[in-house]
Each structure stands twice: as C-alpha cells, then as structure tokens.
Amino acid sequence: MTILASSNTLMSQVKSDLNSKFDTQDLGPVKQILGIEITWDKTTSSIIITQTQYLKKILERFQMTECHPVTTPLDPNVKLNKTSDNTEPALPQLVHEYSAVIGSLNFAAIATRPDLKYTVYELSQFMSNPLDSSQMCSSLYQRHT
C-alpha cells in the first residue's frame, strides 16, 4: 500500500491508525509502483516519474529490441495506410498481440509519456488489421531516454 500525505505528522497518524487495525510493515519511501519508477529529489523538492524498465520489458516481450530509436514518437515521413493488398482478415493471434502492444504503450502514454499519446492513437486505428512489425518499428519511439 502506498500512502501519501501533505505532512509528516499526518503520515505518522495514518500509519499509526493502520498499524492499530492491521499487521503492517513500513518499507520506506516508494521507489516503484505499477511499473512507474519514482525518484524524489529532496534538494529541489521534486518528484521524477519514469517507466524505463517497463518500456524495456515491452520491447523484450514483443521482440522489438532490434528497433532503432527515432527522434519523434511518430515519424512524420512514415505514412500509415489502413488499406492492405491482403483481403484476408488478420489472424486472431496477430490482432491479440497488436492489441497488447497498443495497450502497453497506452499505459506508458497515460502514466509518464504523453508524447506517445498521438502515436498510440494513430496505431490503434489498425486494431482489426494490424501493421507488420517493420511498420511498427519505423513508427514508434523505441527508447525512453
């Protein structure tokens, strides 16, 4: 469980109340939750959130580690076409895997990478007839820097 409070006094009170009703253990400041890495810089009183490990796992999971990084989330020179020479419907397994990629990227776009949102939106239009992996690689921003 992650507890957030506006003051140390309030934080101590909440912890005390929880300890009185449940067997709890304080693990210290949160470092990661739901694939989001959290760093607190006390000198500047700022919080930095990233998903470096989560994005690396996505690349590994979908065998996209060979893709090269690009400077923009959606390369303006890449034209994505909904029409295909193939009139056959996409295989259900391909549609499922493509949906999983889009869903994973959507989580990153919502949580820490709003720069990916437009790209995810554009790619999600191909859910019923997914892009092949070369088009996916050429259109995605592949590394969190």
N, C-alpha and C. Protein backbone atom coordinates (compact mmCIF):
# COMPACT_ATOMS: atom_id res chain seq x y z
N MET A 1 0.84 -1.16 0.00
CA MET A 1 0.00 0.00 0.00
C MET A 1 0.90 1.22 0.00
N THR A 2 0.52 2.19 -0.79
CA THR A 2 1.25 3.45 -0.84
C THR A 2 0.41 4.51 -0.16
N ILE A 3 1.03 5.24 0.75
CA ILE A 3 0.33 6.29 1.48
C ILE A 3 0.96 7.62 1.14
N LEU A 4 0.13 8.57 0.78
CA LEU A 4 0.59 9.93 0.51
C LEU A 4 -0.09 10.86 1.51
N ALA A 5 0.66 11.83 2.00
CA ALA A 5 0.10 12.78 2.96
C ALA A 5 0.74 14.14 2.75
N SER A 6 0.04 15.17 3.17
CA SER A 6 0.53 16.53 2.99
C SER A 6 1.56 16.94 4.05
N SER A 7 1.71 16.13 5.12
CA SER A 7 2.70 16.45 6.15
C SER A 7 3.19 15.16 6.81
N ASN A 8 4.35 15.24 7.44
CA ASN A 8 4.89 14.08 8.15
C ASN A 8 4.00 13.69 9.33
N THR A 9 3.41 14.69 9.97
CA THR A 9 2.51 14.43 11.10
C THR A 9 1.31 13.61 10.65
N LEU A 10 0.69 14.02 9.58
CA LEU A 10 -0.46 13.29 9.04
C LEU A 10 -0.05 11.89 8.59
N MET A 11 1.12 11.77 7.97
CA MET A 11 1.62 10.46 7.54
C MET A 11 1.79 9.54 8.74
N SER A 12 2.38 10.03 9.81
CA SER A 12 2.58 9.23 11.02
C SER A 12 1.24 8.80 11.62
N GLN A 13 0.26 9.70 11.60
CA GLN A 13 -1.07 9.38 12.15
C GLN A 13 -1.76 8.28 11.33
N VAL A 14 -1.67 8.38 10.01
CA VAL A 14 -2.28 7.37 9.14
C VAL A 14 -1.60 6.01 9.36
N LYS A 15 -0.28 6.01 9.42
CA LYS A 15 0.46 4.77 9.66
C LYS A 15 0.07 4.16 11.01
N SER A 16 -0.03 4.99 12.02
CA SER A 16 -0.41 4.53 13.36
C SER A 16 -1.81 3.92 13.35
N ASP A 17 -2.74 4.59 12.69
CA ASP A 17 -4.11 4.07 12.61
C ASP A 17 -4.15 2.73 11.89
N LEU A 18 -3.42 2.61 10.79
CA LEU A 18 -3.39 1.34 10.06
C LEU A 18 -2.74 0.24 10.89
N ASN A 19 -1.65 0.58 11.59
CA ASN A 19 -0.96 -0.41 12.44
C ASN A 19 -1.84 -0.90 13.58
N SER A 20 -2.74 -0.06 14.04
CA SER A 20 -3.61 -0.48 15.14
C SER A 20 -4.67 -1.48 14.68
N LYS A 21 -4.99 -1.50 13.40
CA LYS A 21 -6.03 -2.40 12.89
C LYS A 21 -5.49 -3.56 12.06
N PHE A 22 -4.31 -3.38 11.49
CA PHE A 22 -3.74 -4.40 10.60
C PHE A 22 -2.28 -4.62 10.93
N ASP A 23 -1.78 -5.79 10.54
CA ASP A 23 -0.36 -6.09 10.69
C ASP A 23 0.34 -5.50 9.47
N THR A 24 1.05 -4.41 9.64
CA THR A 24 1.69 -3.72 8.52
C THR A 24 3.19 -3.63 8.72
N GLN A 25 3.88 -3.33 7.63
CA GLN A 25 5.32 -3.15 7.67
C GLN A 25 5.66 -1.94 6.80
N ASP A 26 6.40 -1.00 7.33
CA ASP A 26 6.81 0.20 6.60
C ASP A 26 8.03 -0.13 5.76
N LEU A 27 7.90 -0.05 4.45
CA LEU A 27 9.00 -0.35 3.54
C LEU A 27 9.75 0.89 3.11
N GLY A 28 9.42 2.03 3.70
CA GLY A 28 10.10 3.27 3.36
C GLY A 28 9.47 3.96 2.16
N PRO A 29 10.17 4.96 1.66
CA PRO A 29 9.63 5.71 0.51
C PRO A 29 9.43 4.80 -0.71
N VAL A 30 8.38 5.07 -1.44
CA VAL A 30 8.08 4.28 -2.63
C VAL A 30 9.14 4.53 -3.70
N LYS A 31 9.57 3.45 -4.35
CA LYS A 31 10.56 3.54 -5.42
C LYS A 31 9.94 3.15 -6.75
N GLN A 32 8.96 2.24 -6.69
CA GLN A 32 8.30 1.79 -7.91
C GLN A 32 6.91 1.29 -7.56
N ILE A 33 5.94 1.64 -8.43
CA ILE A 33 4.58 1.16 -8.26
C ILE A 33 3.93 1.08 -9.64
N LEU A 34 3.31 -0.05 -9.92
CA LEU A 34 2.63 -0.27 -11.20
C LEU A 34 3.52 0.01 -12.41
N GLY A 35 4.79 -0.36 -12.32
CA GLY A 35 5.71 -0.16 -13.43
C GLY A 35 6.22 1.26 -13.57
N ILE A 36 5.88 2.11 -12.62
CA ILE A 36 6.32 3.50 -12.65
C ILE A 36 7.42 3.68 -11.61
N GLU A 37 8.59 4.14 -12.06
CA GLU A 37 9.70 4.38 -11.15
C GLU A 37 9.58 5.81 -10.61
N ILE A 38 9.76 5.93 -9.31
CA ILE A 38 9.58 7.22 -8.66
C ILE A 38 10.88 7.61 -7.95
N THR A 39 11.36 8.80 -8.26
CA THR A 39 12.56 9.33 -7.63
C THR A 39 12.21 10.67 -7.02
N TRP A 40 12.55 10.83 -5.75
CA TRP A 40 12.28 12.08 -5.06
C TRP A 40 13.59 12.80 -4.82
N ASP A 41 13.71 13.97 -5.41
CA ASP A 41 14.90 14.80 -5.23
C ASP A 41 14.61 15.79 -4.11
N LYS A 42 15.14 15.51 -2.92
CA LYS A 42 14.85 16.34 -1.75
C LYS A 42 15.45 17.74 -1.86
N THR A 43 16.56 17.87 -2.59
CA THR A 43 17.19 19.19 -2.70
C THR A 43 16.33 20.17 -3.49
N THR A 44 15.60 19.66 -4.48
CA THR A 44 14.74 20.55 -5.28
C THR A 44 13.27 20.34 -4.98
N SER A 45 12.98 19.45 -4.04
CA SER A 45 11.59 19.11 -3.69
C SER A 45 10.79 18.74 -4.92
N SER A 46 11.38 17.91 -5.76
CA SER A 46 10.68 17.48 -6.97
C SER A 46 10.61 15.96 -7.04
N ILE A 47 9.62 15.49 -7.74
CA ILE A 47 9.42 14.06 -7.95
C ILE A 47 9.57 13.79 -9.44
N ILE A 48 10.35 12.78 -9.76
CA ILE A 48 10.56 12.39 -11.15
C ILE A 48 9.95 11.01 -11.33
N ILE A 49 9.07 10.88 -12.33
CA ILE A 49 8.47 9.58 -12.61
C ILE A 49 8.88 9.14 -14.02
N THR A 50 9.29 7.90 -14.13
CA THR A 50 9.70 7.33 -15.41
C THR A 50 9.18 5.91 -15.51
N GLN A 51 9.31 5.34 -16.68
CA GLN A 51 8.94 3.94 -16.90
C GLN A 51 10.01 3.23 -17.72
N THR A 52 11.25 3.52 -17.45
CA THR A 52 12.36 2.95 -18.22
C THR A 52 12.30 1.43 -18.25
N GLN A 53 12.20 0.80 -17.10
CA GLN A 53 12.18 -0.66 -17.04
C GLN A 53 10.94 -1.23 -17.71
N TYR A 54 9.80 -0.60 -17.50
CA TYR A 54 8.55 -1.04 -18.12
C TYR A 54 8.66 -1.01 -19.64
N LEU A 55 9.20 0.07 -20.19
CA LEU A 55 9.33 0.19 -21.64
C LEU A 55 10.34 -0.81 -22.20
N LYS A 56 11.41 -1.07 -21.46
CA LYS A 56 12.38 -2.10 -21.90
C LYS A 56 11.71 -3.47 -21.94
N LYS A 57 10.87 -3.75 -20.94
CA LYS A 57 10.17 -5.03 -20.91
C LYS A 57 9.19 -5.16 -22.07
N ILE A 58 8.55 -4.05 -22.45
CA ILE A 58 7.65 -4.09 -23.61
C ILE A 58 8.44 -4.47 -24.86
N LEU A 59 9.58 -3.82 -25.06
CA LEU A 59 10.41 -4.13 -26.23
C LEU A 59 10.84 -5.59 -26.24
N GLU A 60 11.24 -6.11 -25.09
CA GLU A 60 11.64 -7.51 -25.00
C GLU A 60 10.45 -8.44 -25.23
N ARG A 61 9.34 -8.14 -24.59
CA ARG A 61 8.15 -9.00 -24.69
C ARG A 61 7.68 -9.16 -26.13
N PHE A 62 7.75 -8.09 -26.90
CA PHE A 62 7.25 -8.12 -28.26
C PHE A 62 8.36 -8.21 -29.30
N GLN A 63 9.54 -8.69 -28.89
CA GLN A 63 10.69 -8.88 -29.76
C GLN A 63 10.94 -7.66 -30.65
N MET A 64 11.00 -6.49 -30.00
CA MET A 64 11.23 -5.26 -30.75
C MET A 64 12.52 -4.57 -30.30
N THR A 65 13.41 -5.31 -29.66
CA THR A 65 14.66 -4.71 -29.18
C THR A 65 15.58 -4.33 -30.33
N GLU A 66 15.36 -4.90 -31.52
CA GLU A 66 16.19 -4.56 -32.67
C GLU A 66 15.78 -3.25 -33.32
N CYS A 67 14.67 -2.70 -32.93
CA CYS A 67 14.22 -1.41 -33.47
C CYS A 67 15.16 -0.31 -33.01
N HIS A 68 15.36 0.63 -33.86
CA HIS A 68 16.25 1.75 -33.55
C HIS A 68 15.44 2.94 -33.07
N PRO A 69 16.00 3.70 -32.12
CA PRO A 69 15.28 4.88 -31.63
C PRO A 69 15.12 5.93 -32.73
N VAL A 70 14.04 6.66 -32.65
CA VAL A 70 13.81 7.78 -33.55
C VAL A 70 13.64 9.04 -32.71
N THR A 71 13.76 10.19 -33.34
CA THR A 71 13.72 11.44 -32.58
C THR A 71 12.32 11.91 -32.24
N THR A 72 11.33 11.43 -32.96
CA THR A 72 9.95 11.81 -32.68
C THR A 72 9.11 10.57 -32.48
N PRO A 73 8.07 10.63 -31.64
CA PRO A 73 7.25 9.44 -31.40
C PRO A 73 6.61 8.88 -32.66
N LEU A 74 6.20 9.71 -33.59
CA LEU A 74 5.65 9.24 -34.85
C LEU A 74 6.35 9.99 -35.96
N ASP A 75 7.18 9.29 -36.68
CA ASP A 75 7.95 9.91 -37.75
C ASP A 75 7.00 10.51 -38.79
N PRO A 76 7.09 11.81 -39.04
CA PRO A 76 6.17 12.44 -40.00
C PRO A 76 6.36 11.94 -41.43
N ASN A 77 7.50 11.29 -41.72
CA ASN A 77 7.74 10.77 -43.07
C ASN A 77 7.13 9.39 -43.29
N VAL A 78 6.69 8.75 -42.22
CA VAL A 78 6.09 7.42 -42.34
C VAL A 78 4.60 7.59 -42.58
N LYS A 79 4.13 7.02 -43.67
CA LYS A 79 2.70 7.08 -43.98
C LYS A 79 2.08 5.73 -43.64
N LEU A 80 1.16 5.75 -42.72
CA LEU A 80 0.47 4.53 -42.32
C LEU A 80 -0.82 4.43 -43.13
N ASN A 81 -1.01 3.28 -43.77
CA ASN A 81 -2.19 3.08 -44.60
C ASN A 81 -3.09 2.01 -44.03
N LYS A 82 -4.37 2.31 -43.96
CA LYS A 82 -5.33 1.32 -43.47
C LYS A 82 -5.58 0.23 -44.50
N THR A 83 -5.45 0.56 -45.76
CA THR A 83 -5.73 -0.42 -46.80
C THR A 83 -4.54 -1.35 -46.96
N SER A 84 -4.83 -2.56 -47.32
CA SER A 84 -3.79 -3.56 -47.49
C SER A 84 -4.09 -4.36 -48.75
N ASP A 85 -3.04 -4.88 -49.37
CA ASP A 85 -3.24 -5.75 -50.54
C ASP A 85 -3.89 -7.06 -50.12
N ASN A 86 -3.72 -7.40 -48.87
CA ASN A 86 -4.26 -8.65 -48.36
C ASN A 86 -5.73 -8.46 -47.99
N THR A 87 -6.60 -9.19 -48.66
CA THR A 87 -8.03 -9.08 -48.38
C THR A 87 -8.46 -10.06 -47.29
N GLU A 88 -7.55 -10.94 -46.91
CA GLU A 88 -7.84 -11.91 -45.84
C GLU A 88 -7.88 -11.19 -44.50
N PRO A 89 -8.79 -11.58 -43.62
CA PRO A 89 -8.79 -10.98 -42.28
C PRO A 89 -7.52 -11.38 -41.53
N ALA A 90 -7.08 -10.50 -40.65
CA ALA A 90 -5.87 -10.77 -39.87
C ALA A 90 -6.11 -11.96 -38.94
N LEU A 91 -5.05 -12.69 -38.68
CA LEU A 91 -5.13 -13.82 -37.76
C LEU A 91 -5.46 -13.32 -36.36
N PRO A 92 -6.33 -14.02 -35.64
CA PRO A 92 -6.70 -13.58 -34.29
C PRO A 92 -5.49 -13.40 -33.37
N GLN A 93 -4.48 -14.27 -33.51
CA GLN A 93 -3.29 -14.16 -32.67
C GLN A 93 -2.55 -12.84 -32.95
N LEU A 94 -2.47 -12.45 -34.22
CA LEU A 94 -1.81 -11.19 -34.60
C LEU A 94 -2.59 -9.99 -34.05
N VAL A 95 -3.91 -10.05 -34.17
CA VAL A 95 -4.74 -8.98 -33.65
C VAL A 95 -4.57 -8.87 -32.13
N HIS A 96 -4.52 -10.02 -31.45
CA HIS A 96 -4.35 -10.03 -29.99
C HIS A 96 -2.99 -9.44 -29.60
N GLU A 97 -1.93 -9.86 -30.29
CA GLU A 97 -0.60 -9.35 -29.96
C GLU A 97 -0.49 -7.86 -30.25
N TYR A 98 -1.02 -7.42 -31.37
CA TYR A 98 -1.00 -6.00 -31.72
C TYR A 98 -1.76 -5.20 -30.67
N SER A 99 -2.91 -5.70 -30.25
CA SER A 99 -3.71 -5.03 -29.22
C SER A 99 -2.93 -4.93 -27.91
N ALA A 100 -2.17 -5.99 -27.60
CA ALA A 100 -1.36 -5.98 -26.37
C ALA A 100 -0.26 -4.92 -26.46
N VAL A 101 0.37 -4.77 -27.62
CA VAL A 101 1.39 -3.74 -27.80
C VAL A 101 0.77 -2.36 -27.61
N ILE A 102 -0.36 -2.13 -28.28
CA ILE A 102 -1.01 -0.82 -28.20
C ILE A 102 -1.45 -0.54 -26.76
N GLY A 103 -2.00 -1.54 -26.08
CA GLY A 103 -2.42 -1.36 -24.69
C GLY A 103 -1.25 -1.04 -23.78
N SER A 104 -0.13 -1.73 -23.97
CA SER A 104 1.07 -1.47 -23.17
C SER A 104 1.59 -0.07 -23.39
N LEU A 105 1.63 0.35 -24.64
CA LEU A 105 2.09 1.70 -24.95
C LEU A 105 1.11 2.75 -24.45
N ASN A 106 -0.17 2.42 -24.48
CA ASN A 106 -1.17 3.37 -23.98
C ASN A 106 -0.98 3.61 -22.49
N PHE A 107 -0.66 2.55 -21.73
CA PHE A 107 -0.39 2.73 -20.30
C PHE A 107 0.78 3.68 -20.10
N ALA A 108 1.85 3.51 -20.88
CA ALA A 108 3.00 4.40 -20.77
C ALA A 108 2.62 5.83 -21.14
N ALA A 109 1.82 5.98 -22.18
CA ALA A 109 1.41 7.32 -22.63
C ALA A 109 0.57 8.02 -21.57
N ILE A 110 -0.27 7.28 -20.90
CA ILE A 110 -1.13 7.87 -19.86
C ILE A 110 -0.32 8.18 -18.60
N ALA A 111 0.56 7.25 -18.22
CA ALA A 111 1.27 7.39 -16.94
C ALA A 111 2.42 8.39 -16.98
N THR A 112 3.32 8.26 -17.95
CA THR A 112 4.53 9.09 -17.92
C THR A 112 4.97 9.63 -19.27
N ARG A 113 4.36 9.18 -20.34
CA ARG A 113 4.84 9.57 -21.67
C ARG A 113 3.74 10.16 -22.54
N PRO A 114 3.25 11.35 -22.20
CA PRO A 114 2.19 11.94 -23.02
C PRO A 114 2.63 12.19 -24.46
N ASP A 115 3.95 12.23 -24.71
CA ASP A 115 4.44 12.40 -26.08
C ASP A 115 4.10 11.21 -26.96
N LEU A 116 3.77 10.08 -26.36
CA LEU A 116 3.40 8.89 -27.13
C LEU A 116 1.91 8.81 -27.46
N LYS A 117 1.11 9.66 -26.86
CA LYS A 117 -0.34 9.54 -26.97
C LYS A 117 -0.82 9.61 -28.42
N TYR A 118 -0.35 10.57 -29.19
CA TYR A 118 -0.79 10.69 -30.58
C TYR A 118 -0.37 9.45 -31.38
N THR A 119 0.84 8.97 -31.16
CA THR A 119 1.31 7.77 -31.85
C THR A 119 0.43 6.58 -31.53
N VAL A 120 0.12 6.40 -30.25
CA VAL A 120 -0.74 5.29 -29.85
C VAL A 120 -2.11 5.43 -30.50
N TYR A 121 -2.63 6.65 -30.54
CA TYR A 121 -3.92 6.90 -31.19
C TYR A 121 -3.87 6.49 -32.66
N GLU A 122 -2.83 6.92 -33.36
CA GLU A 122 -2.72 6.60 -34.79
C GLU A 122 -2.61 5.09 -35.00
N LEU A 123 -1.75 4.43 -34.22
CA LEU A 123 -1.54 2.99 -34.38
C LEU A 123 -2.77 2.18 -33.97
N SER A 124 -3.55 2.70 -33.04
CA SER A 124 -4.73 1.95 -32.58
C SER A 124 -5.80 1.86 -33.65
N GLN A 125 -5.70 2.66 -34.69
CA GLN A 125 -6.67 2.59 -35.78
C GLN A 125 -6.50 1.35 -36.64
N PHE A 126 -5.44 0.58 -36.38
CA PHE A 126 -5.17 -0.62 -37.15
C PHE A 126 -5.45 -1.89 -36.35
N MET A 127 -6.28 -1.79 -35.33
CA MET A 127 -6.53 -2.94 -34.45
C MET A 127 -7.13 -4.13 -35.20
N SER A 128 -8.00 -3.91 -36.15
CA SER A 128 -8.62 -5.03 -36.85
C SER A 128 -7.74 -5.57 -37.97
N ASN A 129 -6.80 -4.77 -38.46
CA ASN A 129 -5.86 -5.20 -39.50
C ASN A 129 -4.49 -4.64 -39.14
N PRO A 130 -3.80 -5.30 -38.19
CA PRO A 130 -2.57 -4.76 -37.63
C PRO A 130 -1.45 -4.51 -38.64
N LEU A 131 -0.63 -3.53 -38.29
CA LEU A 131 0.58 -3.26 -39.07
C LEU A 131 1.57 -4.38 -38.86
N ASP A 132 2.46 -4.58 -39.83
CA ASP A 132 3.52 -5.56 -39.60
C ASP A 132 4.60 -4.94 -38.71
N SER A 133 5.50 -5.77 -38.22
CA SER A 133 6.48 -5.30 -37.24
C SER A 133 7.43 -4.26 -37.81
N SER A 134 7.74 -4.31 -39.11
CA SER A 134 8.64 -3.30 -39.68
C SER A 134 7.98 -1.93 -39.69
N GLN A 135 6.67 -1.88 -39.99
CA GLN A 135 5.97 -0.60 -39.93
C GLN A 135 5.88 -0.12 -38.49
N MET A 136 5.66 -1.05 -37.56
CA MET A 136 5.56 -0.69 -36.15
C MET A 136 6.88 -0.10 -35.68
N CYS A 137 7.99 -0.74 -36.02
CA CYS A 137 9.31 -0.24 -35.61
C CYS A 137 9.60 1.13 -36.20
N SER A 138 9.23 1.32 -37.45
CA SER A 138 9.55 2.59 -38.09
C SER A 138 8.68 3.73 -37.58
N SER A 139 7.60 3.42 -36.90
CA SER A 139 6.71 4.49 -36.48
C SER A 139 6.71 4.76 -34.98
N LEU A 140 7.38 3.92 -34.19
CA LEU A 140 7.37 4.09 -32.75
C LEU A 140 8.66 4.69 -32.21
N TYR A 141 8.53 5.46 -31.18
CA TYR A 141 9.67 5.93 -30.42
C TYR A 141 10.05 4.78 -29.51
N GLN A 142 11.24 4.21 -29.67
CA GLN A 142 11.53 2.94 -29.03
C GLN A 142 12.26 2.99 -27.70
N ARG A 143 12.86 4.06 -27.35
CA ARG A 143 13.60 4.06 -26.09
C ARG A 143 13.24 5.26 -25.27
N HIS A 144 13.06 5.02 -23.99
CA HIS A 144 12.81 6.11 -23.03
C HIS A 144 14.16 6.66 -22.63
N THR A 145 14.43 7.92 -22.95
CA THR A 145 15.74 8.49 -22.66
C THR A 145 15.66 9.52 -21.57
